Structures are given as structure tokens and as C-alpha cells.
Amino acid sequence: MSIMHLPVLRDDEPSAADLAAIELEWPLIEAERDLLDAEIAFINAGENVSVLDRRRIRRAERRVLEIARELAVPAAGAEVVA
């Protein structure tokens, strides 16, 4: 009798529906990543922060909001599943 308990193997691979949802949300993920990059660059600039650095953050924020709004509002004629 073994005292080692091995975990039960599970199929943790994403389903086709999971992959489709990720692909649908990918533009938002990418926009959020770009915003994070802009914020990191702003922080790392320290005393050398420029107006362009702040503008880059505002553009990235606007892009995140724009894409989030597009994802939140179903397209005209799209089937809504409750």
C-alpha cells in the first residue's frame, strides 16, 4: 500500500467556448496591457515625465474604455442569451 496520494488527473484544457470567449475579449486584454505599459513608463520616468507620457496614458485609458463599452453593449441584431 502506497502512502503517496497522487492527484486525480483532470482535463483542465480550455473548451472551445472558453477559447472563443478569450478571443472575443482579447482586444480589451491587449488595451489593458498597453495601459499598464504606459503607466509603468510614466512611473519609471521619475522627474523626467513629459506631457507626452501623460498623453500616452490618457490615450490608453480612452482605448480601454472604448473597447470595454463595445464589449458591454451587444451588437445590433446579436442574439442575447440570458
C-alpha atoms as a PDB file:
ATOM      1  CA  MET A   1       0.000   0.000   0.000  1.00  0.00           C
ATOM      2  CA  SER A   2       1.394   3.368  -1.042  1.00  0.00           C
ATOM      3  CA  ILE A   3       1.249   6.319   1.321  1.00  0.00           C
ATOM      4  CA  MET A   4       1.652   8.767  -1.549  1.00  0.00           C
ATOM      5  CA  HIS A   5      -1.600  10.196  -2.757  1.00  0.00           C
ATOM      6  CA  LEU A   6      -1.414  11.161  -6.380  1.00  0.00           C
ATOM      7  CA  PRO A   7      -3.779  13.801  -7.645  1.00  0.00           C
ATOM      8  CA  VAL A   8      -6.517  12.676  -9.929  1.00  0.00           C
ATOM      9  CA  LEU A   9      -5.705  13.629 -13.483  1.00  0.00           C
ATOM     10  CA  ARG A  10      -8.215  16.081 -14.844  1.00  0.00           C
ATOM     11  CA  ASP A  11      -8.762  17.547 -18.228  1.00  0.00           C
ATOM     12  CA  ASP A  12      -8.075  21.215 -17.454  1.00  0.00           C
ATOM     13  CA  GLU A  13      -7.757  22.272 -21.059  1.00  0.00           C
ATOM     14  CA  PRO A  14      -9.975  25.164 -22.102  1.00  0.00           C
ATOM     15  CA  SER A  15     -13.035  24.265 -24.090  1.00  0.00           C
ATOM     16  CA  ALA A  16     -13.824  25.724 -27.490  1.00  0.00           C
ATOM     17  CA  ALA A  17     -16.282  28.080 -25.784  1.00  0.00           C
ATOM     18  CA  ASP A  18     -13.577  29.227 -23.352  1.00  0.00           C
ATOM     19  CA  LEU A  19     -11.187  29.921 -26.214  1.00  0.00           C
ATOM     20  CA  ALA A  20     -13.884  31.804 -28.123  1.00  0.00           C
ATOM     21  CA  ALA A  21     -14.592  33.981 -25.073  1.00  0.00           C
ATOM     22  CA  ILE A  22     -10.888  34.741 -24.657  1.00  0.00           C
ATOM     23  CA  GLU A  23     -10.601  35.629 -28.332  1.00  0.00           C
ATOM     24  CA  LEU A  24     -13.615  37.931 -28.034  1.00  0.00           C
ATOM     25  CA  GLU A  25     -12.068  39.701 -25.027  1.00  0.00           C
ATOM     26  CA  TRP A  26      -8.544  39.808 -26.461  1.00  0.00           C
ATOM     27  CA  PRO A  27      -8.760  43.438 -27.675  1.00  0.00           C
ATOM     28  CA  LEU A  28      -9.630  44.511 -24.111  1.00  0.00           C
ATOM     29  CA  ILE A  29      -6.805  42.427 -22.643  1.00  0.00           C
ATOM     30  CA  GLU A  30      -4.381  44.000 -25.109  1.00  0.00           C
ATOM     31  CA  ALA A  31      -5.649  47.535 -24.376  1.00  0.00           C
ATOM     32  CA  GLU A  32      -5.281  46.970 -20.625  1.00  0.00           C
ATOM     33  CA  ARG A  33      -1.750  45.694 -21.182  1.00  0.00           C
ATOM     34  CA  ASP A  34      -0.931  48.827 -23.197  1.00  0.00           C
ATOM     35  CA  LEU A  35      -2.329  50.989 -20.384  1.00  0.00           C
ATOM     36  CA  LEU A  36      -0.172  49.166 -17.863  1.00  0.00           C
ATOM     37  CA  ASP A  37       2.892  49.687 -20.081  1.00  0.00           C
ATOM     38  CA  ALA A  38       2.136  53.418 -20.278  1.00  0.00           C
ATOM     39  CA  GLU A  39       1.696  53.663 -16.504  1.00  0.00           C
ATOM     40  CA  ILE A  40       4.951  51.808 -15.864  1.00  0.00           C
ATOM     41  CA  ALA A  41       6.817  54.088 -18.279  1.00  0.00           C
ATOM     42  CA  PHE A  42       5.288  57.115 -16.518  1.00  0.00           C
ATOM     43  CA  ILE A  43       6.398  55.871 -13.108  1.00  0.00           C
ATOM     44  CA  ASN A  44       9.874  54.961 -14.320  1.00  0.00           C
ATOM     45  CA  ALA A  45      10.351  58.374 -15.925  1.00  0.00           C
ATOM     46  CA  GLY A  46      10.579  59.886 -12.450  1.00  0.00           C
ATOM     47  CA  GLU A  47      11.447  63.576 -12.700  1.00  0.00           C
ATOM     48  CA  ASN A  48      11.725  63.336 -16.485  1.00  0.00           C
ATOM     49  CA  VAL A  49       7.979  62.844 -17.003  1.00  0.00           C
ATOM     50  CA  SER A  50       6.767  64.697 -20.062  1.00  0.00           C
ATOM     51  CA  VAL A  51       3.416  65.822 -21.366  1.00  0.00           C
ATOM     52  CA  LEU A  52       3.696  63.062 -23.954  1.00  0.00           C
ATOM     53  CA  ASP A  53       3.952  60.426 -21.204  1.00  0.00           C
ATOM     54  CA  ARG A  54       0.712  61.661 -19.650  1.00  0.00           C
ATOM     55  CA  ARG A  55      -0.943  61.839 -23.087  1.00  0.00           C
ATOM     56  CA  ARG A  56       0.043  58.224 -23.722  1.00  0.00           C
ATOM     57  CA  ILE A  57      -1.726  57.199 -20.505  1.00  0.00           C
ATOM     58  CA  ARG A  58      -4.866  59.173 -21.411  1.00  0.00           C
ATOM     59  CA  ARG A  59      -4.983  57.582 -24.867  1.00  0.00           C
ATOM     60  CA  ALA A  60      -4.559  54.121 -23.368  1.00  0.00           C
ATOM     61  CA  GLU A  61      -7.293  54.806 -20.783  1.00  0.00           C
ATOM     62  CA  ARG A  62      -9.635  56.045 -23.505  1.00  0.00           C
ATOM     63  CA  ARG A  63      -8.925  52.936 -25.587  1.00  0.00           C
ATOM     64  CA  VAL A  64      -9.676  50.613 -22.638  1.00  0.00           C
ATOM     65  CA  LEU A  65     -12.989  52.377 -22.000  1.00  0.00           C
ATOM     66  CA  GLU A  66     -13.905  52.328 -25.691  1.00  0.00           C
ATOM     67  CA  ILE A  67     -13.294  48.601 -26.045  1.00  0.00           C
ATOM     68  CA  ALA A  68     -14.989  47.782 -22.724  1.00  0.00           C
ATOM     69  CA  ARG A  69     -18.057  49.725 -23.881  1.00  0.00           C
ATOM     70  CA  GLU A  70     -18.099  47.820 -27.182  1.00  0.00           C
ATOM     71  CA  LEU A  71     -17.955  44.508 -25.328  1.00  0.00           C
ATOM     72  CA  ALA A  72     -20.644  45.547 -22.837  1.00  0.00           C
ATOM     73  CA  VAL A  73     -23.186  46.604 -25.457  1.00  0.00           C
ATOM     74  CA  PRO A  74     -24.291  43.704 -27.636  1.00  0.00           C
ATOM     75  CA  ALA A  75     -24.107  44.342 -31.362  1.00  0.00           C
ATOM     76  CA  ALA A  76     -27.334  45.260 -33.108  1.00  0.00           C
ATOM     77  CA  GLY A  77     -29.140  42.120 -34.150  1.00  0.00           C
ATOM     78  CA  ALA A  78     -26.979  39.911 -31.950  1.00  0.00           C
ATOM     79  CA  GLU A  79     -28.705  37.158 -30.055  1.00  0.00           C
ATOM     80  CA  VAL A  80     -28.807  37.820 -26.315  1.00  0.00           C
ATOM     81  CA  VAL A  81     -28.513  34.705 -24.187  1.00  0.00           C
ATOM     82  CA  ALA A  82     -29.835  35.018 -20.647  1.00  0.00           C
END
